[in-house]
Amino acid sequence: MTRDDALRQLGHIARERAFGGHVGSDRLIQVGLDALIAEVESPSLAMLAGLLRSEECEAPALFDQVLEELGLLFHPPADPRAAKWAMAQWIACQIADGTLDPATGTHLIWADIAYDLGYPEELQSLVSCALNLDEWEESWGGCVEELKGEAIEAAKQFLSRRPAAEAGS
């Protein structure tokens, strides 16, 4: 893992936690260890990476401290709608760059975001991809990889139409 990979991983987990995802202390410690091995420098990183099982309760606070020291601390917008749009942007970025399976990502957008936003037009193609991927059967004659490719294209189109500043990221 390179230093850039480790920083991306730290930023990813920062967003995952900020958007309400549960990240266990063991994973926070492992990410800290990965970053330390990748020569990321932060005063608190060695403390995070060196936590023992009996000290796992300290991991979330130390992880946040590491993020603060590295300038990676992320706070979603305070407005709930803006936060949902920021989450959609983040998920779409992961679909587009290949770090999140398109079926999983479009399902998250459909189930966790589009409903709360009243199924806006901007998310319609991603929701359609989620439904197609969710209901896909071999008898359809097409390949599931084609549907995943369509989902990746839909994510890229969404990102091209929705500036990052507008999405809150």
Protein backbone atom coordinates (compact mmCIF):
# COMPACT_ATOMS: atom_id res chain seq x y z
CA MET A 1 0.00 0.00 0.00
CA THR A 2 1.34 3.41 -0.95
CA ARG A 3 1.12 6.55 1.16
CA ASP A 4 -1.59 7.89 -1.20
CA ASP A 5 -3.55 4.63 -0.89
CA ALA A 6 -3.38 4.87 2.89
CA LEU A 7 -4.56 8.49 2.86
CA ARG A 8 -7.44 7.55 0.54
CA GLN A 9 -8.38 4.72 2.89
CA LEU A 10 -8.35 7.08 5.88
CA GLY A 11 -10.51 9.57 3.99
CA HIS A 12 -12.90 6.84 2.91
CA ILE A 13 -13.43 5.65 6.45
CA ALA A 14 -13.82 9.24 7.64
CA ARG A 15 -16.73 9.65 5.20
CA GLU A 16 -18.18 6.24 5.96
CA ARG A 17 -18.34 7.14 9.66
CA ALA A 18 -19.58 10.68 8.97
CA PHE A 19 -22.48 9.29 6.91
CA GLY A 20 -23.49 7.01 9.78
CA GLY A 21 -21.72 3.81 8.81
CA HIS A 22 -20.45 1.63 11.63
CA VAL A 23 -16.72 1.05 11.51
CA GLY A 24 -15.41 -1.22 14.22
CA SER A 25 -12.46 -0.29 16.39
CA ASP A 26 -10.48 -3.22 15.02
CA ARG A 27 -10.82 -1.79 11.50
CA LEU A 28 -9.81 1.70 12.68
CA ILE A 29 -6.70 0.26 14.29
CA GLN A 30 -5.87 -1.78 11.16
CA VAL A 31 -6.25 1.30 8.94
CA GLY A 32 -3.95 3.16 11.32
CA LEU A 33 -1.40 0.36 11.10
CA ASP A 34 -1.65 0.31 7.30
CA ALA A 35 -1.09 4.08 7.22
CA LEU A 36 1.88 3.84 9.58
CA ILE A 37 3.49 1.13 7.45
CA ALA A 38 2.85 3.30 4.36
CA GLU A 39 4.85 6.08 6.05
CA VAL A 40 1.96 8.45 6.71
CA GLU A 41 3.12 10.85 9.39
CA SER A 42 0.84 12.00 12.19
CA PRO A 43 1.63 12.46 15.90
CA SER A 44 -1.28 10.21 16.97
CA LEU A 45 -1.00 7.55 14.28
CA ALA A 46 1.43 5.29 16.15
CA MET A 47 -0.80 5.43 19.23
CA LEU A 48 -3.82 4.36 17.13
CA ALA A 49 -1.91 1.62 15.33
CA GLY A 50 -0.50 0.27 18.60
CA LEU A 51 -3.73 -0.05 20.55
CA LEU A 52 -4.23 -3.38 22.27
CA ARG A 53 -7.52 -5.27 22.26
CA SER A 54 -8.19 -4.04 25.80
CA GLU A 55 -7.73 -0.44 24.56
CA GLU A 56 -10.04 -0.66 21.51
CA CYS A 57 -12.52 1.75 23.08
CA GLU A 58 -9.94 4.51 22.52
CA ALA A 59 -9.75 3.88 18.75
CA PRO A 60 -12.61 6.15 17.56
CA ALA A 61 -11.26 9.22 19.39
CA LEU A 62 -7.69 8.52 18.28
CA PHE A 63 -8.84 7.93 14.71
CA ASP A 64 -10.59 11.32 14.70
CA GLN A 65 -7.43 12.89 16.13
CA VAL A 66 -5.37 11.36 13.32
CA LEU A 67 -7.85 12.67 10.76
CA GLU A 68 -7.65 16.13 12.31
CA GLU A 69 -3.85 16.08 12.23
CA LEU A 70 -3.86 15.04 8.57
CA GLY A 71 -6.57 17.49 7.55
CA LEU A 72 -8.90 14.63 6.58
CA LEU A 73 -11.68 15.12 9.12
CA PHE A 74 -14.99 15.21 7.25
CA HIS A 75 -18.28 16.66 8.42
CA PRO A 76 -21.29 16.19 6.17
CA PRO A 77 -23.51 19.22 5.61
CA ALA A 78 -25.76 20.03 8.57
CA ASP A 79 -28.83 20.23 6.33
CA PRO A 80 -30.24 16.68 6.01
CA ARG A 81 -31.06 17.05 2.30
CA ALA A 82 -27.61 18.44 1.52
CA ALA A 83 -26.08 15.57 3.51
CA LYS A 84 -28.04 13.03 1.41
CA TRP A 85 -26.80 14.70 -1.79
CA ALA A 86 -23.23 14.61 -0.45
CA MET A 87 -23.65 10.92 0.33
CA ALA A 88 -24.98 10.28 -3.19
CA GLN A 89 -21.94 12.08 -4.62
CA TRP A 90 -19.58 10.01 -2.46
CA ILE A 91 -21.20 6.71 -3.42
CA ALA A 92 -21.31 7.66 -7.11
CA CYS A 93 -17.58 8.50 -6.97
CA GLN A 94 -16.85 5.05 -5.58
CA ILE A 95 -18.97 3.38 -8.26
CA ALA A 96 -17.27 5.41 -10.99
CA ASP A 97 -13.73 4.75 -9.76
CA GLY A 98 -14.34 1.03 -9.20
CA THR A 99 -13.89 0.96 -5.44
CA LEU A 100 -17.55 0.02 -4.84
CA ASP A 101 -19.47 -2.71 -6.62
CA PRO A 102 -22.06 -1.01 -8.87
CA ALA A 103 -24.88 -3.26 -7.62
CA THR A 104 -24.09 -2.41 -4.01
CA GLY A 105 -23.61 1.29 -4.68
CA THR A 106 -26.75 1.80 -6.74
CA HIS A 107 -28.72 -0.15 -4.15
CA LEU A 108 -27.45 2.20 -1.43
CA ILE A 109 -28.46 5.23 -3.50
CA TRP A 110 -31.88 3.74 -4.16
CA ALA A 111 -32.60 2.53 -0.63
CA ASP A 112 -30.80 5.09 1.54
CA ILE A 113 -30.89 8.30 -0.47
CA ALA A 114 -33.39 8.54 -3.34
CA TYR A 115 -36.37 7.66 -1.17
CA ASP A 116 -35.49 10.33 1.41
CA LEU A 117 -35.07 12.92 -1.36
CA GLY A 118 -38.39 12.05 -3.02
CA TYR A 119 -36.82 10.20 -5.98
CA PRO A 120 -35.36 13.25 -7.76
CA GLU A 121 -34.77 13.14 -11.51
CA GLU A 122 -30.99 13.44 -10.98
CA LEU A 123 -30.91 10.01 -9.31
CA GLN A 124 -33.39 8.27 -11.63
CA SER A 125 -30.81 6.52 -13.83
CA LEU A 126 -28.94 5.21 -10.77
CA VAL A 127 -32.21 3.98 -9.22
CA SER A 128 -33.13 2.27 -12.50
CA CYS A 129 -29.74 0.55 -12.53
CA ALA A 130 -30.27 -0.57 -8.94
CA LEU A 131 -33.65 -2.07 -9.82
CA ASN A 132 -32.27 -3.81 -12.92
CA LEU A 133 -29.31 -5.23 -11.02
CA ASP A 134 -31.50 -6.27 -8.10
CA GLU A 135 -33.96 -8.12 -10.34
CA TRP A 136 -31.49 -9.48 -12.92
CA GLU A 137 -31.82 -13.13 -13.85
CA GLU A 138 -29.79 -15.22 -16.27
CA SER A 139 -32.94 -15.82 -18.32
CA TRP A 140 -32.84 -12.15 -19.40
CA GLY A 141 -30.19 -13.11 -21.91
CA GLY A 142 -27.82 -10.27 -21.07
CA CYS A 143 -24.79 -10.32 -18.91
CA VAL A 144 -24.88 -8.82 -15.41
CA GLU A 145 -21.55 -7.16 -16.27
CA GLU A 146 -23.36 -5.09 -18.92
CA LEU A 147 -25.79 -3.84 -16.28
CA LYS A 148 -22.87 -3.01 -13.98
CA GLY A 149 -21.26 -1.10 -16.85
CA GLU A 150 -24.49 0.88 -17.29
CA ALA A 151 -24.44 1.66 -13.56
CA ILE A 152 -20.86 2.92 -13.80
CA GLU A 153 -21.86 5.14 -16.74
CA ALA A 154 -24.90 6.41 -14.81
CA ALA A 155 -22.65 7.28 -11.86
CA LYS A 156 -20.24 9.15 -14.13
CA GLN A 157 -23.13 11.04 -15.73
CA PHE A 158 -24.51 11.96 -12.31
CA LEU A 159 -21.10 13.24 -11.23
CA SER A 160 -20.64 15.27 -14.41
CA ARG A 161 -24.01 17.01 -13.92
CA ARG A 162 -23.69 17.64 -10.19
CA PRO A 163 -20.70 19.80 -9.15
CA ALA A 164 -18.92 18.65 -5.98
CA ALA A 165 -19.58 21.96 -4.20
CA GLU A 166 -23.32 21.61 -4.84
CA ALA A 167 -23.28 18.07 -3.50
CA GLY A 168 -21.64 19.15 -0.28
CA SER A 169 -18.36 17.28 -0.59
